[in-house]
Amino acid sequence: MRGPGLLFLYRLADRFRPVRIRDGRDRLADTIQGRHLLRQRTVFLIQPICFFGEFSPFYPKTVEIQIAVSFQVGFDLSAAGVVGLKFFLMGRFVFLFGIFEIDAAPLIEDRLGITRDEVFASQIIDLIFCKIYDERFTRPEDTVKFRAGVNEKDEDVRKRVLELFEQVKKQYNDVIDVADSIVLDAKCIKYIVGELQLYSLKDSSRDAVGEAFEIFIGPSLKGAQGQFFTPRNVVNMVIRMIDPGTGERILDPACGSGGFLVEALRYVWNKLEEQATALGWPEAEIEAEKQKVAIKNFRGIDKDSFLSKVAKAYLAILGDGRGGVHCENSLDSFSNWSSKTVEDIQPGTFDIIVTNPPFGKKLAIDSTAILGLYDLGHKWSQESDGTFVKGDLTDKQPPQLLFIERCFEMLRPGGRMGIVLLESIFGMPKYQYIVNYIRSKAKILAIVTLPEDLFQPHTHAKCCVMICQKYDVGMTAETCGEYDIFMSDVKWCGHDSRGNVTYTYTADGQKTVLDEIPMVADKYLEMR
């Protein structure tokens, strides 16, 4: 059945331009961009947008255009749910930018009854690692195993992928548990393999693949309280204010899906690339150095096995820094961590910590074994002279407060920290001992209060960001003298309480997103 139109995006002159393709070569030649490509005899690959309909083939159709253009579009669009894909032109080929936006969930829900986002996402991650393994360990002259032919039996594809997965579990045993299994049926596996087989994750742009992975995995990361998601504008603001160097070790002890680590990695990579390019390094050497930095300097911890798996997958796709992510309770005694984690993540060794610790009354820590490890796990009273005295163990404590102490423990002297905290910590009298504790450990360099809408529509929590620097050896609050603290009160974060984008207009009438958060880092760096 011929579709009413398929929309593709390809890249020319660094801008995405739409090409609507209906009837093969004639329609392509009707566009300026299409005529240009035909004149240049460009060879490129296009994959149609995928649809779900009662009679739709679940596997993709590949379209190759070389001088004469032919199309094999056989999708039934009668019940189409359009999912947009982006492509970018690299040399002679159009590569995918957004493959993971393809919505396979309806197919999998109908066939297997898998309705939980994280279960579905975990299955896809397993298949992504199968593809990564296949690309890395298949010789150029051999045929890859991660493939699905149009006329190939579903069960043959499934059998080949399951054999590949057994090898994956051995190679990536720090990500994939030996007990893990792919429970998708043959039809689902063939569909997903068919979607991924045309594209090289190893050779594609890291930014494109990373962005696509984040778009795909995003829905499974938003817990009931939104506790797993830190908006990217806030993450970028914190990273820019901290300004990590190319040789600095970075830790997120509550890394979740890896948002802070990934953005910090991109920031460091950009710095490294600028420096290396100025020195005339060849491209291969720059890429090798990027991977070295990812493996050597980036560490993360999260006690949620699914989220740590997502973080490992994300870092593996970007730069194979997955080995730095560990599934542990960051607040637990070091003696309860695995030997590998203890070896990899040691107190007092990190130059930078960036994190958004979990918060919420339901998450309060009441374990005396954990509370006893922390000064902030105790009750504090204020004497008449203003000093604070530590007393007995408290009955329970929000984990965010304990994370403050653990973060200082992990930082080296002189190390820097960017942390998202509840604004009430700096405003309510009952938390005055917390502020006093922070000041006893570090110079507070900046406090940025954030809008209440920031984590909406998931939670009403009013948060702020604190940037601080741990005292060097021998330095105290008394000896460091007076210093300025950067303060910022952000009113607009780019969306309202319902999650709808907020807009404003520039002086020349241009519509733009109303988001003040990106401006904060600029002001901070100007005044630093």
Protein backbone atom coordinates (compact mmCIF):
# COMPACT_ATOMS: atom_id res chain seq x y z
CA MET A 1 0.00 0.00 0.00
CA ARG A 2 1.46 3.40 -0.98
CA GLY A 3 1.73 5.83 1.92
CA PRO A 4 0.52 9.43 1.87
CA GLY A 5 4.04 10.71 2.42
CA LEU A 6 7.20 9.98 4.39
CA LEU A 7 9.22 12.76 5.95
CA PHE A 8 12.99 12.44 6.05
CA LEU A 9 15.65 14.82 7.31
CA TYR A 10 19.13 15.00 5.90
CA ARG A 11 21.96 17.36 6.61
CA LEU A 12 23.37 19.89 4.19
CA ALA A 13 25.35 23.00 5.14
CA ASP A 14 25.05 22.06 8.83
CA ARG A 15 21.29 22.47 8.88
CA PHE A 16 18.51 19.91 8.91
CA ARG A 17 16.22 20.38 5.90
CA PRO A 18 13.05 18.38 5.32
CA VAL A 19 12.47 16.28 2.23
CA ARG A 20 8.98 14.83 1.83
CA ILE A 21 9.10 11.75 -0.33
CA ARG A 22 5.95 10.26 -1.88
CA ASP A 23 6.47 8.73 -5.27
CA GLY A 24 10.13 7.90 -5.68
CA ARG A 25 12.48 9.82 -7.95
CA ASP A 26 9.85 12.21 -9.30
CA ARG A 27 8.95 13.46 -5.85
CA LEU A 28 12.60 13.70 -4.80
CA ALA A 29 13.38 15.73 -7.92
CA ASP A 30 10.57 18.13 -6.99
CA THR A 31 12.68 19.51 -4.13
CA ILE A 32 15.71 21.75 -4.44
CA GLN A 33 17.66 19.54 -2.08
CA GLY A 34 16.64 16.40 -3.98
CA ARG A 35 17.76 17.80 -7.34
CA HIS A 36 21.08 18.76 -5.79
CA LEU A 37 21.63 15.22 -4.51
CA LEU A 38 20.70 13.70 -7.86
CA ARG A 39 23.05 16.02 -9.75
CA GLN A 40 25.86 15.06 -7.41
CA ARG A 41 25.04 11.35 -7.95
CA THR A 42 25.12 11.03 -4.19
CA VAL A 43 24.75 7.55 -2.77
CA PHE A 44 22.87 7.44 0.50
CA LEU A 45 20.68 5.21 2.60
CA ILE A 46 17.29 6.13 3.95
CA GLN A 47 15.10 4.21 6.34
CA PRO A 48 11.37 5.01 6.26
CA ILE A 49 9.58 6.19 9.37
CA CYS A 50 8.07 3.14 11.06
CA PHE A 51 4.36 2.72 11.57
CA PHE A 52 2.16 0.31 13.43
CA GLY A 53 -0.94 -0.99 11.67
CA GLU A 54 -2.77 -4.26 11.59
CA PHE A 55 -1.09 -5.41 8.39
CA SER A 56 2.19 -3.54 8.72
CA PRO A 57 5.45 -5.43 8.34
CA PHE A 58 7.27 -5.08 11.67
CA TYR A 59 10.70 -5.02 10.07
CA PRO A 60 12.12 -2.00 8.24
CA LYS A 61 12.52 -1.58 4.50
CA THR A 62 15.84 -0.24 3.31
CA VAL A 63 15.91 2.25 0.50
CA GLU A 64 19.11 2.73 -1.50
CA ILE A 65 19.34 5.68 -3.86
CA GLN A 66 22.10 5.70 -6.45
CA ILE A 67 21.59 7.91 -9.50
CA ALA A 68 18.24 6.26 -10.31
CA VAL A 69 15.99 6.35 -7.25
CA SER A 70 13.76 3.46 -6.30
CA PHE A 71 11.60 2.98 -3.23
CA GLN A 72 10.25 -0.08 -1.52
CA VAL A 73 7.65 1.38 0.82
CA GLY A 74 5.05 -1.17 1.79
CA PHE A 75 3.76 0.08 5.10
CA ASP A 76 0.06 0.06 5.85
CA LEU A 77 -0.65 3.54 7.22
CA SER A 78 -4.29 2.90 8.10
CA ALA A 79 -3.54 2.91 11.83
CA ALA A 80 -0.30 4.83 11.69
CA GLY A 81 1.30 6.27 14.77
CA VAL A 82 4.06 8.41 13.30
CA VAL A 83 7.43 8.43 15.02
CA GLY A 84 9.86 11.00 13.63
CA LEU A 85 13.40 10.09 12.77
CA LYS A 86 16.32 12.39 12.00
CA PHE A 87 19.24 11.68 9.71
CA PHE A 88 22.50 13.45 9.07
CA LEU A 89 24.73 13.37 6.01
CA MET A 90 28.27 12.17 6.59
CA GLY A 91 30.37 11.85 3.48
CA ARG A 92 28.34 9.74 1.05
CA PHE A 93 25.96 8.27 3.58
CA VAL A 94 22.98 9.40 5.59
CA PHE A 95 23.28 8.17 9.16
CA LEU A 96 20.61 7.76 11.78
CA PHE A 97 19.88 10.43 14.38
CA GLY A 98 17.06 9.13 16.50
CA ILE A 99 16.69 5.39 15.93
CA PHE A 100 15.61 4.84 19.51
CA GLU A 101 12.63 7.13 19.03
CA ILE A 102 11.00 4.23 17.23
CA ASP A 103 8.11 3.14 19.40
CA ALA A 104 8.25 -0.63 19.67
CA ALA A 105 6.37 -0.61 22.97
CA PRO A 106 2.90 -1.24 21.47
CA LEU A 107 4.16 -4.32 19.66
CA ILE A 108 5.87 -5.70 22.76
CA GLU A 109 2.98 -4.88 25.08
CA ASP A 110 0.53 -6.66 22.79
CA ARG A 111 2.67 -9.75 22.26
CA LEU A 112 4.34 -10.23 25.66
CA GLY A 113 2.36 -8.16 28.14
CA ILE A 114 5.45 -6.11 29.07
CA THR A 115 4.06 -2.77 30.20
CA ARG A 116 6.71 -1.48 32.59
CA ASP A 117 9.03 0.95 30.85
CA GLU A 118 12.12 -0.20 32.72
CA VAL A 119 11.56 -3.88 31.86
CA PHE A 120 11.22 -3.00 28.19
CA ALA A 121 14.23 -0.65 28.34
CA SER A 122 16.35 -3.31 30.02
CA GLN A 123 15.57 -5.73 27.19
CA ILE A 124 16.53 -3.16 24.57
CA ILE A 125 19.77 -2.40 26.41
CA ASP A 126 20.63 -6.11 26.27
CA LEU A 127 20.07 -6.06 22.51
CA ILE A 128 22.11 -2.86 22.11
CA PHE A 129 25.04 -4.60 23.82
CA CYS A 130 24.60 -7.52 21.44
CA LYS A 131 25.04 -5.08 18.56
CA ILE A 132 28.02 -3.34 20.16
CA TYR A 133 29.68 -6.71 20.74
CA ASP A 134 28.93 -7.86 17.19
CA GLU A 135 30.45 -4.70 15.70
CA ARG A 136 33.57 -4.89 17.85
CA PHE A 137 34.32 -8.60 17.52
CA THR A 138 33.32 -9.45 13.94
CA ARG A 139 36.17 -9.40 11.44
CA PRO A 140 35.66 -7.22 8.34
CA GLU A 141 35.53 -10.24 6.02
CA ASP A 142 32.94 -12.08 8.16
CA THR A 143 29.16 -11.70 8.25
CA VAL A 144 27.71 -10.07 11.36
CA LYS A 145 25.37 -12.12 13.52
CA PHE A 146 23.19 -9.18 14.55
CA ARG A 147 21.11 -9.13 11.39
CA ALA A 148 17.61 -9.94 10.14
CA GLY A 149 16.80 -10.73 6.52
CA VAL A 150 13.46 -9.74 5.03
CA ASN A 151 12.56 -13.35 4.23
CA GLU A 152 14.45 -14.92 7.12
CA LYS A 153 12.48 -16.95 9.66
CA ASP A 154 11.85 -15.15 12.93
CA GLU A 155 13.12 -18.07 14.98
CA ASP A 156 16.43 -18.19 13.08
CA VAL A 157 17.09 -14.55 13.99
CA ARG A 158 16.13 -15.17 17.61
CA LYS A 159 18.41 -18.21 17.90
CA ARG A 160 21.38 -16.30 16.48
CA VAL A 161 20.81 -13.31 18.80
CA LEU A 162 20.47 -15.51 21.90
CA GLU A 163 23.77 -17.21 21.06
CA LEU A 164 25.32 -13.76 20.68
CA PHE A 165 23.86 -12.71 24.03
CA GLU A 166 25.66 -15.56 25.81
CA GLN A 167 28.95 -14.14 24.53
CA VAL A 168 27.85 -10.64 25.58
CA LYS A 169 27.26 -11.78 29.17
CA LYS A 170 30.86 -12.97 29.35
CA GLN A 171 32.34 -9.85 27.76
CA TYR A 172 30.16 -7.32 29.61
CA ASN A 173 29.72 -9.12 32.92
CA ASP A 174 29.95 -5.78 34.73
CA VAL A 175 26.73 -4.70 33.00
CA ILE A 176 24.84 -7.88 32.11
CA ASP A 177 24.19 -10.34 34.92
CA VAL A 178 24.78 -14.02 34.20
CA ALA A 179 21.13 -14.67 35.11
CA ASP A 180 19.81 -12.07 32.67
CA SER A 181 17.84 -13.35 29.70
CA ILE A 182 16.17 -11.93 26.62
CA VAL A 183 12.48 -12.76 27.04
CA LEU A 184 11.23 -11.06 23.87
CA ASP A 185 9.74 -13.47 21.38
CA ALA A 186 11.16 -14.12 17.92
CA LYS A 187 8.94 -11.60 16.16
CA CYS A 188 9.88 -8.77 18.53
CA ILE A 189 13.58 -9.60 18.35
CA LYS A 190 13.51 -9.61 14.56
CA TYR A 191 11.75 -6.27 14.53
CA ILE A 192 14.31 -4.61 16.82
CA VAL A 193 17.30 -6.21 15.10
CA GLY A 194 15.90 -5.05 11.77
CA GLU A 195 15.67 -1.51 13.06
CA LEU A 196 19.24 -1.45 14.36
CA GLN A 197 21.12 -3.57 11.82
CA LEU A 198 21.62 -0.84 9.22
CA TYR A 199 23.54 1.48 11.52
CA SER A 200 26.96 1.25 13.08
CA LEU A 201 26.93 2.37 16.70
CA LYS A 202 30.71 2.14 16.69
CA ASP A 203 31.22 4.40 13.69
CA SER A 204 28.33 6.84 14.07
CA SER A 205 28.65 10.23 15.73
CA ARG A 206 28.79 9.79 19.50
CA ASP A 207 26.56 12.80 20.03
CA ALA A 208 23.95 11.45 17.62
CA VAL A 209 23.88 7.98 19.15
CA GLY A 210 23.92 9.37 22.70
CA GLU A 211 21.09 11.76 21.97
CA ALA A 212 19.06 8.98 20.38
CA PHE A 213 19.68 6.67 23.34
CA GLU A 214 18.58 9.36 25.79
CA ILE A 215 15.39 10.05 23.83
CA PHE A 216 14.55 6.36 23.79
CA ILE A 217 15.41 5.56 27.38
CA GLY A 218 13.98 8.77 28.88
CA PRO A 219 10.42 7.59 29.63
CA SER A 220 11.70 4.73 31.79
CA LEU A 221 13.78 7.06 33.97
CA LYS A 222 11.03 9.21 35.42
CA GLY A 223 10.04 7.64 38.70
CA ALA A 224 6.81 8.43 40.49
CA GLN A 225 8.47 11.41 42.18
CA GLY A 226 10.68 12.36 39.24
CA GLN A 227 13.65 11.39 41.41
CA PHE A 228 15.67 9.95 38.54
CA PHE A 229 15.64 12.94 36.27
CA THR A 230 17.69 16.12 36.50
CA PRO A 231 16.77 18.56 33.70
CA ARG A 232 19.60 18.93 31.21
CA ASN A 233 19.68 22.73 31.49
CA VAL A 234 20.48 22.38 35.21
CA VAL A 235 23.08 19.67 34.55
CA ASN A 236 24.79 21.83 31.94
CA MET A 237 24.73 24.84 34.25
CA VAL A 238 26.42 22.89 37.06
CA ILE A 239 29.06 21.41 34.74
CA ARG A 240 29.92 24.82 33.27
CA MET A 241 30.18 26.40 36.74
CA ILE A 242 32.43 23.59 37.98
CA ASP A 243 34.48 23.75 34.74
CA PRO A 244 36.19 20.32 34.92
CA GLY A 245 39.63 19.96 33.40
CA THR A 246 40.71 17.18 31.06
CA GLY A 247 42.77 15.42 33.72
CA GLU A 248 40.41 15.70 36.69
CA ARG A 249 38.67 12.72 38.29
CA ILE A 250 34.90 13.09 38.51
CA LEU A 251 32.39 11.21 40.67
CA ASP A 252 28.61 11.17 40.92
CA PRO A 253 27.71 9.08 44.01
CA ALA A 254 24.00 9.13 43.09
CA CYS A 255 24.46 8.85 39.34
CA GLY A 256 21.05 7.46 38.37
CA SER A 257 21.01 7.06 34.59
CA GLY A 258 24.32 8.94 34.25
CA GLY A 259 23.12 12.41 33.25
CA PHE A 260 25.80 14.37 35.13
CA LEU A 261 28.56 11.96 34.08
CA VAL A 262 27.59 12.06 30.41
CA GLU A 263 27.37 15.85 30.23
CA ALA A 264 30.64 16.21 32.15
CA LEU A 265 32.25 13.75 29.74
CA ARG A 266 31.04 15.75 26.73
CA TYR A 267 32.33 18.96 28.31
CA VAL A 268 35.76 17.45 28.98
CA TRP A 269 35.88 15.92 25.50
CA ASN A 270 35.20 19.31 23.92
CA LYS A 271 38.06 20.81 25.92
CA LEU A 272 40.36 17.95 25.01
CA GLU A 273 39.48 18.20 21.33
CA GLU A 274 40.19 21.94 21.27
CA GLN A 275 43.55 21.45 22.97
CA ALA A 276 44.53 18.48 20.81
CA THR A 277 43.48 20.19 17.58
CA ALA A 278 45.57 23.22 18.48
CA LEU A 279 48.54 20.89 18.95
CA GLY A 280 47.91 19.22 15.58
CA TRP A 281 47.01 15.77 16.89
CA PRO A 282 45.64 13.33 14.27
CA GLU A 283 41.97 12.37 14.60
CA ALA A 284 42.74 8.79 15.64
CA GLU A 285 44.93 9.99 18.50
CA ILE A 286 42.25 12.42 19.69
CA GLU A 287 39.61 9.66 19.74
CA ALA A 288 41.96 7.34 21.63
CA GLU A 289 42.60 10.04 24.22
CA LYS A 290 38.86 10.64 24.61
CA GLN A 291 38.29 6.98 25.37
CA LYS A 292 41.21 6.96 27.79
CA VAL A 293 39.72 9.90 29.70
CA ALA A 294 36.29 8.24 29.86
CA ILE A 295 37.72 5.02 31.25
CA LYS A 296 40.22 6.54 33.66
CA ASN A 297 38.51 9.59 35.16
CA PHE A 298 34.73 9.08 35.34
CA ARG A 299 33.04 7.21 38.18
CA GLY A 300 29.45 6.75 39.28
CA ILE A 301 27.51 4.86 41.94
CA ASP A 302 23.82 4.05 42.20
CA LYS A 303 22.08 1.42 44.29
CA ASP A 304 19.33 0.91 41.71
CA SER A 305 20.45 -1.95 39.47
CA PHE A 306 18.35 -0.81 36.51
CA LEU A 307 19.60 2.79 36.63
CA SER A 308 23.22 1.74 37.01
CA LYS A 309 22.72 -0.55 34.02
CA VAL A 310 21.35 2.38 32.00
CA ALA A 311 24.34 4.53 33.02
CA LYS A 312 26.77 1.78 32.02
CA ALA A 313 25.02 1.36 28.68
CA TYR A 314 25.07 5.10 28.01
CA LEU A 315 28.77 5.43 28.80
CA ALA A 316 29.59 2.27 26.84
CA ILE A 317 27.87 3.69 23.77
CA LEU A 318 29.64 7.05 24.11
CA GLY A 319 33.13 6.04 25.11
CA ASP A 320 33.23 2.65 26.83
CA GLY A 321 33.50 4.26 30.28
CA ARG A 322 30.99 1.75 31.65
CA GLY A 323 33.52 0.15 34.00
CA GLY A 324 33.45 3.25 36.17
CA VAL A 325 29.80 2.82 37.16
CA HIS A 326 29.06 0.62 40.17
CA CYS A 327 25.83 -0.67 41.69
CA GLU A 328 26.22 -0.01 45.41
CA ASN A 329 24.58 1.84 48.26
CA SER A 330 26.72 4.98 48.32
CA LEU A 331 25.81 5.67 51.96
CA ASP A 332 26.76 2.22 53.23
CA SER A 333 30.02 1.36 54.93
CA PHE A 334 32.91 0.94 52.49
CA SER A 335 33.39 -2.54 53.96
CA ASN A 336 30.03 -3.54 52.48
CA TRP A 337 31.01 -2.48 48.98
CA SER A 338 32.41 -5.01 46.52
CA SER A 339 36.18 -5.24 46.33
CA LYS A 340 36.10 -3.86 42.77
CA THR A 341 34.16 -0.77 43.88
CA VAL A 342 36.47 -0.20 46.85
CA GLU A 343 39.48 -0.44 44.54
CA ASP A 344 37.93 1.90 41.97
CA ILE A 345 36.34 4.52 44.25
CA GLN A 346 38.39 5.57 47.25
CA PRO A 347 37.75 8.42 49.71
CA GLY A 348 39.62 11.67 49.26
CA THR A 349 40.69 11.02 45.67
CA PHE A 350 38.21 12.92 43.50
CA ASP A 351 38.78 16.38 42.08
CA ILE A 352 35.10 16.97 41.31
CA ILE A 353 31.73 15.71 42.51
CA VAL A 354 28.54 16.57 40.62
CA THR A 355 25.31 15.04 41.86
CA ASN A 356 21.61 15.28 42.62
CA PRO A 357 21.07 13.03 45.66
CA PRO A 358 17.64 11.46 46.22
CA PHE A 359 15.23 13.35 48.45
CA GLY A 360 11.80 12.70 49.89
CA LYS A 361 10.26 11.73 53.23
CA LYS A 362 9.56 8.20 52.03
CA LEU A 363 13.28 7.65 51.44
CA ALA A 364 14.44 8.55 54.97
CA ILE A 365 17.32 6.44 56.33
CA ASP A 366 16.52 4.75 59.66
CA SER A 367 19.30 2.16 59.74
CA THR A 368 21.41 2.75 62.85
CA ALA A 369 24.34 1.05 61.12
CA ILE A 370 24.30 3.70 58.38
CA LEU A 371 23.33 6.67 60.55
CA GLY A 372 26.19 5.85 62.92
CA LEU A 373 28.70 6.40 60.10
CA TYR A 374 27.85 10.08 59.81
CA ASP A 375 28.09 13.17 61.97
CA LEU A 376 24.93 14.31 60.19
CA GLY A 377 23.25 11.08 61.28
CA HIS A 378 23.19 12.50 64.79
CA LYS A 379 21.13 15.13 66.56
CA TRP A 380 22.74 18.54 66.92
CA SER A 381 22.05 21.28 69.47
CA GLN A 382 23.19 24.90 69.49
CA GLU A 383 24.93 26.32 72.55
CA SER A 384 24.41 29.85 73.84
CA ASP A 385 27.64 30.97 72.16
CA GLY A 386 26.33 29.82 68.77
CA THR A 387 28.43 26.66 68.47
CA PHE A 388 26.83 23.32 67.60
CA VAL A 389 27.27 20.14 69.63
CA LYS A 390 26.72 16.61 68.32
CA GLY A 391 24.39 14.42 70.37
CA ASP A 392 22.77 10.98 70.05
CA LEU A 393 21.80 9.23 66.85
CA THR A 394 18.72 10.63 65.20
CA ASP A 395 15.79 8.28 64.56
CA LYS A 396 15.96 8.87 60.83
CA GLN A 397 17.50 11.28 58.36
CA PRO A 398 16.78 12.22 54.73
CA PRO A 399 19.42 10.60 52.51
CA GLN A 400 20.23 13.95 50.88
CA LEU A 401 21.72 15.23 54.14
CA LEU A 402 23.90 12.16 54.58
CA PHE A 403 25.04 12.50 50.97
CA ILE A 404 26.46 15.94 51.78
CA GLU A 405 28.85 14.37 54.28
CA ARG A 406 29.70 11.41 52.04
CA CYS A 407 30.52 13.77 49.16
CA PHE A 408 32.97 15.75 51.28
CA GLU A 409 34.52 12.45 52.33
CA MET A 410 35.10 11.48 48.70
CA LEU A 411 36.57 14.84 47.62
CA ARG A 412 40.28 15.50 47.82
CA PRO A 413 41.41 18.66 49.65
CA GLY A 414 40.75 21.57 47.31
CA GLY A 415 38.23 19.55 45.29
CA ARG A 416 35.05 21.13 43.94
CA MET A 417 31.43 20.07 44.24
CA GLY A 418 28.18 20.95 42.49
CA ILE A 419 25.15 19.48 44.25
CA VAL A 420 21.38 19.87 43.95
CA LEU A 421 19.81 20.36 47.39
CA LEU A 422 16.45 21.28 48.84
CA GLU A 423 16.27 25.04 49.21
CA SER A 424 14.88 24.62 52.74
CA ILE A 425 18.34 23.52 53.92
CA PHE A 426 19.55 27.10 53.54
CA GLY A 427 16.38 28.77 54.81
CA MET A 428 14.87 26.83 57.70
CA PRO A 429 16.27 27.27 61.25
CA LYS A 430 16.12 23.52 61.93
CA TYR A 431 18.76 22.97 59.24
CA GLN A 432 21.15 25.63 60.51
CA TYR A 433 23.49 22.91 61.78
CA ILE A 434 23.72 21.56 58.21
CA VAL A 435 24.86 24.95 56.88
CA ASN A 436 27.34 25.18 59.75
CA TYR A 437 28.66 21.72 58.85
CA ILE A 438 29.08 22.68 55.19
CA ARG A 439 30.95 25.87 56.15
CA SER A 440 33.25 23.83 58.39
CA LYS A 441 34.24 21.70 55.40
CA ALA A 442 34.28 24.04 52.40
CA LYS A 443 34.02 27.50 50.90
CA ILE A 444 30.54 28.05 49.52
CA LEU A 445 31.19 29.61 46.12
CA ALA A 446 27.64 29.88 44.77
CA ILE A 447 23.99 29.28 45.65
CA VAL A 448 21.50 29.18 42.76
CA THR A 449 17.84 28.91 43.72
CA LEU A 450 15.71 27.20 41.10
CA PRO A 451 12.02 27.62 40.20
CA GLU A 452 9.44 25.40 41.85
CA ASP A 453 8.32 24.37 38.36
CA LEU A 454 11.71 22.78 37.63
CA PHE A 455 10.77 19.22 38.60
CA GLN A 456 7.12 19.63 37.69
CA PRO A 457 4.87 17.88 36.91
CA HIS A 458 6.57 15.15 38.97
CA THR A 459 7.19 16.86 42.31
CA HIS A 460 6.75 20.29 43.94
CA ALA A 461 10.19 20.25 45.59
CA LYS A 462 11.87 23.67 45.62
CA CYS A 463 15.55 23.11 45.01
CA CYS A 464 18.81 24.97 44.67
CA VAL A 465 22.33 24.26 43.48
CA MET A 466 25.34 24.73 45.73
CA ILE A 467 28.84 25.09 44.29
CA CYS A 468 31.60 24.76 46.87
CA GLN A 469 35.29 23.97 47.25
CA LYS A 470 36.63 21.74 50.00
CA TYR A 471 39.28 23.36 52.14
CA ASP A 472 42.90 22.55 51.45
CA VAL A 473 44.87 20.78 54.17
CA GLY A 474 45.35 23.12 57.14
CA MET A 475 42.66 25.57 56.02
CA THR A 476 39.50 26.25 58.05
CA ALA A 477 36.52 28.60 57.87
CA GLU A 478 38.39 30.94 60.20
CA THR A 479 41.66 31.00 58.25
CA CYS A 480 40.21 31.37 54.75
CA GLY A 481 39.05 34.94 55.49
CA GLU A 482 36.20 36.78 53.84
CA TYR A 483 35.14 35.99 50.30
CA ASP A 484 32.25 36.66 47.93
CA ILE A 485 29.46 34.14 47.34
CA PHE A 486 27.68 34.21 43.99
CA MET A 487 23.90 34.26 44.50
CA SER A 488 21.25 33.81 41.81
CA ASP A 489 17.48 33.47 41.99
CA VAL A 490 16.18 31.86 38.79
CA LYS A 491 12.52 32.53 37.97
CA TRP A 492 12.11 30.71 34.64
CA CYS A 493 13.32 27.24 33.72
CA GLY A 494 11.84 26.68 30.24
CA HIS A 495 8.53 25.07 31.24
CA ASP A 496 5.54 25.66 33.49
CA SER A 497 4.05 23.53 36.29
CA ARG A 498 2.38 21.22 33.76
CA GLY A 499 5.57 20.64 31.82
CA ASN A 500 4.56 22.89 28.91
CA VAL A 501 7.32 24.93 27.28
CA THR A 502 7.31 28.63 28.22
CA TYR A 503 8.16 31.26 25.62
CA THR A 504 9.05 34.91 25.41
CA TYR A 505 9.94 37.31 22.58
CA THR A 506 13.23 39.04 21.95
CA ALA A 507 13.53 42.77 21.20
CA ASP A 508 13.39 42.02 17.47
CA GLY A 509 10.26 39.90 17.84
CA GLN A 510 11.84 36.44 17.73
CA LYS A 511 10.06 33.74 19.74
CA THR A 512 12.40 31.99 22.17
CA VAL A 513 12.17 29.62 25.13
CA LEU A 514 11.89 31.46 28.45
CA ASP A 515 14.73 29.81 30.33
CA GLU A 516 17.10 31.76 32.57
CA ILE A 517 19.15 28.78 33.72
CA PRO A 518 21.73 28.91 30.87
CA MET A 519 22.45 32.54 31.78
CA VAL A 520 23.57 31.67 35.33
CA ALA A 521 26.83 29.96 34.37
CA ASP A 522 27.72 32.92 32.11
CA LYS A 523 27.27 35.37 34.98
CA TYR A 524 29.13 33.16 37.42
CA LEU A 525 32.12 32.74 35.11
CA GLU A 526 32.20 36.50 34.49
CA MET A 527 32.36 37.23 38.22
CA ARG A 528 34.64 34.38 39.23
